[in-house]
Amino acid sequence: LPTTADGTVLTTTNPKSGNIIQVVATNVILDSSVAVQSGTIVDTPATVTITSTAANSKFLISASIGGEASTDDHNIGFVLQRVIGGTTTSINTGNAVNNRLGISFMMPVGYHGDDQSTTASTSVMPPYLDSPSQSASTAITYKIGVVGLGTTGNFYFGRTVSDTNNNTNERLPNYITVQEVAA
């Protein structure tokens, strides 16, 4: 244990299998928006890069996307993606068959028919354990993409569509957290 209460975490150069080696997170509280395309994955502010400290580590990823779309909630999906060496791979998705999209998680069905511009919600991706089989010192970017499910429109991160200055137009965070786990 540390000899002083300085917040230092005791680490080892030879962690045991299953130990958390490092944690990297991005928490975005500023609002933004993107044009959502039907069937096309568009980046969100929830992106983080971690550099592996050991070969063949596993990575535990969790994320939360808060905001509102200009379309029905059930038409918005999110995809977890991994980028290594410039190659982007969608991971933790359902089986994409023919024209059916594989996604990681969706907006909760919370749309209220007469109030589609002030009903932001939070979509949460439960922790997912990724095993990319990488070497030590590999930079890995994990990011959440948004995709229209048969629709186009805009997605507003961290805010409602109308964003009127009153207490019925809430503001929400967006985050992604990655934990490197020893193999």
C-alpha atoms as a PDB file:
ATOM      1  CA  LEU A   1       0.000   0.000   0.000  1.00  0.00           C
ATOM      2  CA  PRO A   2       1.127   3.613  -0.469  1.00  0.00           C
ATOM      3  CA  THR A   3       2.910   5.079   2.542  1.00  0.00           C
ATOM      4  CA  THR A   4       1.019   8.362   2.227  1.00  0.00           C
ATOM      5  CA  ALA A   5      -2.526   9.269   1.327  1.00  0.00           C
ATOM      6  CA  ASP A   6      -1.510  10.727  -2.040  1.00  0.00           C
ATOM      7  CA  GLY A   7      -4.029   8.842  -4.192  1.00  0.00           C
ATOM      8  CA  THR A   8      -1.356   6.667  -5.832  1.00  0.00           C
ATOM      9  CA  VAL A   9      -2.533   3.200  -6.814  1.00  0.00           C
ATOM     10  CA  LEU A  10      -0.121   0.371  -6.083  1.00  0.00           C
ATOM     11  CA  THR A  11       0.755  -1.385  -9.333  1.00  0.00           C
ATOM     12  CA  THR A  12       2.984  -4.244 -10.340  1.00  0.00           C
ATOM     13  CA  THR A  13       4.986  -5.023 -13.449  1.00  0.00           C
ATOM     14  CA  ASN A  14       3.543  -8.543 -13.472  1.00  0.00           C
ATOM     15  CA  PRO A  15      -0.215  -8.311 -12.821  1.00  0.00           C
ATOM     16  CA  LYS A  16      -2.215 -11.467 -12.220  1.00  0.00           C
ATOM     17  CA  SER A  17      -4.839 -12.584 -14.718  1.00  0.00           C
ATOM     18  CA  GLY A  18      -8.047 -10.626 -14.194  1.00  0.00           C
ATOM     19  CA  ASN A  19      -6.405  -7.634 -12.482  1.00  0.00           C
ATOM     20  CA  ILE A  20      -7.323  -4.166 -13.714  1.00  0.00           C
ATOM     21  CA  ILE A  21      -4.122  -2.659 -15.146  1.00  0.00           C
ATOM     22  CA  GLN A  22      -5.417   0.780 -16.129  1.00  0.00           C
ATOM     23  CA  VAL A  23      -8.628   2.754 -16.631  1.00  0.00           C
ATOM     24  CA  VAL A  24      -9.188   5.427 -19.292  1.00  0.00           C
ATOM     25  CA  ALA A  25     -12.435   7.375 -19.666  1.00  0.00           C
ATOM     26  CA  THR A  26     -14.003  10.210 -21.592  1.00  0.00           C
ATOM     27  CA  ASN A  27     -16.875  12.158 -20.056  1.00  0.00           C
ATOM     28  CA  VAL A  28     -18.453  14.729 -22.390  1.00  0.00           C
ATOM     29  CA  ILE A  29     -20.782  17.314 -20.878  1.00  0.00           C
ATOM     30  CA  LEU A  30     -20.815  19.749 -23.807  1.00  0.00           C
ATOM     31  CA  ASP A  31     -23.729  19.394 -26.211  1.00  0.00           C
ATOM     32  CA  SER A  32     -23.342  18.697 -29.929  1.00  0.00           C
ATOM     33  CA  SER A  33     -25.292  17.147 -32.791  1.00  0.00           C
ATOM     34  CA  VAL A  34     -24.770  14.977 -35.861  1.00  0.00           C
ATOM     35  CA  ALA A  35     -26.820  14.141 -38.935  1.00  0.00           C
ATOM     36  CA  VAL A  36     -28.029  10.559 -38.558  1.00  0.00           C
ATOM     37  CA  GLN A  37     -28.176   8.489 -41.731  1.00  0.00           C
ATOM     38  CA  SER A  38     -30.219   5.358 -42.319  1.00  0.00           C
ATOM     39  CA  GLY A  39     -27.880   2.369 -42.085  1.00  0.00           C
ATOM     40  CA  THR A  40     -24.696   4.489 -41.819  1.00  0.00           C
ATOM     41  CA  ILE A  41     -22.719   4.665 -38.572  1.00  0.00           C
ATOM     42  CA  VAL A  42     -21.753   8.208 -37.539  1.00  0.00           C
ATOM     43  CA  ASP A  43     -19.286   8.976 -34.708  1.00  0.00           C
ATOM     44  CA  THR A  44     -20.509  10.338 -31.382  1.00  0.00           C
ATOM     45  CA  PRO A  45     -18.541  12.322 -28.768  1.00  0.00           C
ATOM     46  CA  ALA A  46     -18.115   9.083 -26.775  1.00  0.00           C
ATOM     47  CA  THR A  47     -14.634   8.024 -27.897  1.00  0.00           C
ATOM     48  CA  VAL A  48     -11.521   7.083 -25.939  1.00  0.00           C
ATOM     49  CA  THR A  49      -8.039   5.824 -26.801  1.00  0.00           C
ATOM     50  CA  ILE A  50      -6.145   3.440 -24.555  1.00  0.00           C
ATOM     51  CA  THR A  51      -2.601   2.139 -25.115  1.00  0.00           C
ATOM     52  CA  SER A  52      -2.223  -1.450 -23.937  1.00  0.00           C
ATOM     53  CA  THR A  53       0.415  -2.086 -21.302  1.00  0.00           C
ATOM     54  CA  ALA A  54       0.558  -5.845 -21.863  1.00  0.00           C
ATOM     55  CA  ALA A  55       0.088  -8.279 -24.724  1.00  0.00           C
ATOM     56  CA  ASN A  56      -3.289  -9.986 -25.151  1.00  0.00           C
ATOM     57  CA  SER A  57      -5.044  -7.911 -22.494  1.00  0.00           C
ATOM     58  CA  LYS A  58      -8.805  -7.818 -22.410  1.00  0.00           C
ATOM     59  CA  PHE A  59     -10.693  -4.517 -22.300  1.00  0.00           C
ATOM     60  CA  LEU A  60     -13.879  -3.933 -20.325  1.00  0.00           C
ATOM     61  CA  ILE A  61     -15.944  -1.200 -21.985  1.00  0.00           C
ATOM     62  CA  SER A  62     -19.047   0.576 -20.696  1.00  0.00           C
ATOM     63  CA  ALA A  63     -20.795   3.599 -22.167  1.00  0.00           C
ATOM     64  CA  SER A  64     -23.748   5.918 -21.829  1.00  0.00           C
ATOM     65  CA  ILE A  65     -25.254   8.168 -24.490  1.00  0.00           C
ATOM     66  CA  GLY A  66     -27.605  10.930 -23.356  1.00  0.00           C
ATOM     67  CA  GLY A  67     -29.635  13.089 -25.692  1.00  0.00           C
ATOM     68  CA  GLU A  68     -32.563  13.161 -28.067  1.00  0.00           C
ATOM     69  CA  ALA A  69     -33.190  12.540 -31.758  1.00  0.00           C
ATOM     70  CA  SER A  70     -35.380  14.465 -34.150  1.00  0.00           C
ATOM     71  CA  THR A  71     -37.040  11.133 -34.990  1.00  0.00           C
ATOM     72  CA  ASP A  72     -38.764   8.391 -32.985  1.00  0.00           C
ATOM     73  CA  ASP A  73     -36.509   6.849 -30.321  1.00  0.00           C
ATOM     74  CA  HIS A  74     -36.972   3.318 -31.643  1.00  0.00           C
ATOM     75  CA  ASN A  75     -35.304   4.407 -34.912  1.00  0.00           C
ATOM     76  CA  ILE A  76     -31.939   5.174 -33.269  1.00  0.00           C
ATOM     77  CA  GLY A  77     -29.279   2.542 -32.610  1.00  0.00           C
ATOM     78  CA  PHE A  78     -25.732   2.667 -31.273  1.00  0.00           C
ATOM     79  CA  VAL A  79     -22.706   0.599 -32.299  1.00  0.00           C
ATOM     80  CA  LEU A  80     -19.539  -0.075 -30.298  1.00  0.00           C
ATOM     81  CA  GLN A  81     -16.473   0.147 -32.541  1.00  0.00           C
ATOM     82  CA  ARG A  82     -12.778  -0.651 -32.072  1.00  0.00           C
ATOM     83  CA  VAL A  83     -10.031   1.050 -34.101  1.00  0.00           C
ATOM     84  CA  ILE A  84      -6.538  -0.495 -34.249  1.00  0.00           C
ATOM     85  CA  GLY A  85      -3.984   0.688 -36.805  1.00  0.00           C
ATOM     86  CA  GLY A  86      -6.600   2.607 -38.777  1.00  0.00           C
ATOM     87  CA  THR A  87      -8.929  -0.399 -39.133  1.00  0.00           C
ATOM     88  CA  THR A  88     -12.399   0.082 -37.654  1.00  0.00           C
ATOM     89  CA  THR A  89     -14.358  -2.979 -36.513  1.00  0.00           C
ATOM     90  CA  SER A  90     -17.887  -3.007 -35.099  1.00  0.00           C
ATOM     91  CA  ILE A  91     -17.921  -5.225 -31.993  1.00  0.00           C
ATOM     92  CA  ASN A  92     -20.547  -6.464 -29.542  1.00  0.00           C
ATOM     93  CA  THR A  93     -23.298  -6.267 -32.149  1.00  0.00           C
ATOM     94  CA  GLY A  94     -26.168  -8.505 -33.072  1.00  0.00           C
ATOM     95  CA  ASN A  95     -25.812 -10.690 -36.148  1.00  0.00           C
ATOM     96  CA  ALA A  96     -26.239  -8.480 -39.246  1.00  0.00           C
ATOM     97  CA  VAL A  97     -28.087 -10.596 -41.796  1.00  0.00           C
ATOM     98  CA  ASN A  98     -29.003  -9.318 -45.272  1.00  0.00           C
ATOM     99  CA  ASN A  99     -30.512  -5.843 -44.717  1.00  0.00           C
ATOM    100  CA  ARG A 100     -30.837  -6.250 -40.937  1.00  0.00           C
ATOM    101  CA  LEU A 101     -28.366  -4.086 -38.986  1.00  0.00           C
ATOM    102  CA  GLY A 102     -26.306  -5.464 -36.118  1.00  0.00           C
ATOM    103  CA  ILE A 103     -26.208  -2.890 -33.320  1.00  0.00           C
ATOM    104  CA  SER A 104     -24.881  -2.850 -29.743  1.00  0.00           C
ATOM    105  CA  PHE A 105     -27.745  -1.024 -27.981  1.00  0.00           C
ATOM    106  CA  MET A 106     -30.716   1.250 -28.740  1.00  0.00           C
ATOM    107  CA  MET A 107     -32.444   4.339 -27.500  1.00  0.00           C
ATOM    108  CA  PRO A 108     -35.017   3.351 -24.866  1.00  0.00           C
ATOM    109  CA  VAL A 109     -38.541   3.620 -26.187  1.00  0.00           C
ATOM    110  CA  GLY A 110     -39.489   6.725 -24.253  1.00  0.00           C
ATOM    111  CA  TYR A 111     -40.849   8.972 -26.985  1.00  0.00           C
ATOM    112  CA  HIS A 112     -43.969  10.825 -25.907  1.00  0.00           C
ATOM    113  CA  GLY A 113     -46.135  11.505 -28.980  1.00  0.00           C
ATOM    114  CA  ASP A 114     -46.952  15.154 -28.282  1.00  0.00           C
ATOM    115  CA  ASP A 115     -43.524  16.073 -26.868  1.00  0.00           C
ATOM    116  CA  GLN A 116     -40.785  14.886 -29.199  1.00  0.00           C
ATOM    117  CA  SER A 117     -38.515  17.887 -28.697  1.00  0.00           C
ATOM    118  CA  THR A 118     -38.042  17.936 -24.898  1.00  0.00           C
ATOM    119  CA  THR A 119     -37.820  14.251 -23.898  1.00  0.00           C
ATOM    120  CA  ALA A 120     -34.108  13.426 -23.742  1.00  0.00           C
ATOM    121  CA  SER A 121     -33.132  10.015 -22.414  1.00  0.00           C
ATOM    122  CA  THR A 122     -30.053   7.984 -21.623  1.00  0.00           C
ATOM    123  CA  SER A 123     -29.039   4.826 -23.475  1.00  0.00           C
ATOM    124  CA  VAL A 124     -26.652   2.625 -21.517  1.00  0.00           C
ATOM    125  CA  MET A 125     -24.348  -0.077 -22.843  1.00  0.00           C
ATOM    126  CA  PRO A 126     -23.704  -2.638 -20.090  1.00  0.00           C
ATOM    127  CA  PRO A 127     -20.030  -3.615 -19.660  1.00  0.00           C
ATOM    128  CA  TYR A 128     -18.620  -5.644 -22.542  1.00  0.00           C
ATOM    129  CA  LEU A 129     -15.319  -7.570 -22.397  1.00  0.00           C
ATOM    130  CA  ASP A 130     -13.327  -7.246 -25.644  1.00  0.00           C
ATOM    131  CA  SER A 131     -10.380  -9.524 -26.514  1.00  0.00           C
ATOM    132  CA  PRO A 132      -8.544  -7.925 -29.458  1.00  0.00           C
ATOM    133  CA  SER A 133      -5.378 -10.111 -29.186  1.00  0.00           C
ATOM    134  CA  GLN A 134      -3.038  -7.144 -29.422  1.00  0.00           C
ATOM    135  CA  SER A 135       0.634  -6.673 -28.597  1.00  0.00           C
ATOM    136  CA  ALA A 136       1.826  -4.453 -25.744  1.00  0.00           C
ATOM    137  CA  SER A 137       1.908  -0.697 -26.504  1.00  0.00           C
ATOM    138  CA  THR A 138      -0.931  -0.927 -29.035  1.00  0.00           C
ATOM    139  CA  ALA A 139      -3.121   2.186 -29.287  1.00  0.00           C
ATOM    140  CA  ILE A 140      -6.780   1.142 -29.359  1.00  0.00           C
ATOM    141  CA  THR A 141      -9.644   3.569 -29.854  1.00  0.00           C
ATOM    142  CA  TYR A 142     -13.083   2.558 -28.649  1.00  0.00           C
ATOM    143  CA  LYS A 143     -16.001   4.657 -29.797  1.00  0.00           C
ATOM    144  CA  ILE A 144     -19.768   4.655 -29.944  1.00  0.00           C
ATOM    145  CA  GLY A 145     -21.421   5.327 -33.300  1.00  0.00           C
ATOM    146  CA  VAL A 146     -25.042   6.304 -33.889  1.00  0.00           C
ATOM    147  CA  VAL A 147     -27.088   4.879 -36.771  1.00  0.00           C
ATOM    148  CA  GLY A 148     -30.561   5.532 -38.123  1.00  0.00           C
ATOM    149  CA  LEU A 149     -32.727   2.419 -38.264  1.00  0.00           C
ATOM    150  CA  GLY A 150     -34.680   3.091 -41.433  1.00  0.00           C
ATOM    151  CA  THR A 151     -34.690   6.850 -40.881  1.00  0.00           C
ATOM    152  CA  THR A 152     -32.624  10.021 -41.124  1.00  0.00           C
ATOM    153  CA  GLY A 153     -32.563  13.084 -38.909  1.00  0.00           C
ATOM    154  CA  ASN A 154     -30.377  14.639 -36.247  1.00  0.00           C
ATOM    155  CA  PHE A 155     -29.185  13.348 -32.899  1.00  0.00           C
ATOM    156  CA  TYR A 156     -28.527  15.922 -30.183  1.00  0.00           C
ATOM    157  CA  PHE A 157     -25.947  14.755 -27.632  1.00  0.00           C
ATOM    158  CA  GLY A 158     -26.313  16.025 -24.092  1.00  0.00           C
ATOM    159  CA  ARG A 159     -29.509  17.982 -24.723  1.00  0.00           C
ATOM    160  CA  THR A 160     -33.078  17.956 -25.995  1.00  0.00           C
ATOM    161  CA  VAL A 161     -33.985  18.840 -29.595  1.00  0.00           C
ATOM    162  CA  SER A 162     -35.523  22.210 -28.701  1.00  0.00           C
ATOM    163  CA  ASP A 163     -32.996  23.035 -25.934  1.00  0.00           C
ATOM    164  CA  THR A 164     -35.248  25.812 -24.608  1.00  0.00           C
ATOM    165  CA  ASN A 165     -33.861  27.636 -21.568  1.00  0.00           C
ATOM    166  CA  ASN A 166     -36.152  26.170 -18.889  1.00  0.00           C
ATOM    167  CA  ASN A 167     -36.132  23.267 -16.448  1.00  0.00           C
ATOM    168  CA  THR A 168     -38.057  20.919 -18.760  1.00  0.00           C
ATOM    169  CA  ASN A 169     -35.097  20.765 -21.191  1.00  0.00           C
ATOM    170  CA  GLU A 170     -32.560  18.676 -19.316  1.00  0.00           C
ATOM    171  CA  ARG A 171     -28.846  18.270 -20.067  1.00  0.00           C
ATOM    172  CA  LEU A 172     -27.201  14.820 -19.989  1.00  0.00           C
ATOM    173  CA  PRO A 173     -23.610  13.498 -20.066  1.00  0.00           C
ATOM    174  CA  ASN A 174     -22.069  11.131 -22.607  1.00  0.00           C
ATOM    175  CA  TYR A 175     -19.248   8.812 -21.569  1.00  0.00           C
ATOM    176  CA  ILE A 176     -17.191   5.771 -22.430  1.00  0.00           C
ATOM    177  CA  THR A 177     -14.951   3.982 -19.934  1.00  0.00           C
ATOM    178  CA  VAL A 178     -12.334   1.349 -20.824  1.00  0.00           C
ATOM    179  CA  GLN A 179     -10.531  -0.846 -18.291  1.00  0.00           C
ATOM    180  CA  GLU A 180      -7.513  -2.902 -19.330  1.00  0.00           C
ATOM    181  CA  VAL A 181      -7.698  -6.349 -17.733  1.00  0.00           C
ATOM    182  CA  ALA A 182      -4.601  -8.580 -17.462  1.00  0.00           C
ATOM    183  CA  ALA A 183      -4.783 -11.763 -19.556  1.00  0.00           C
END
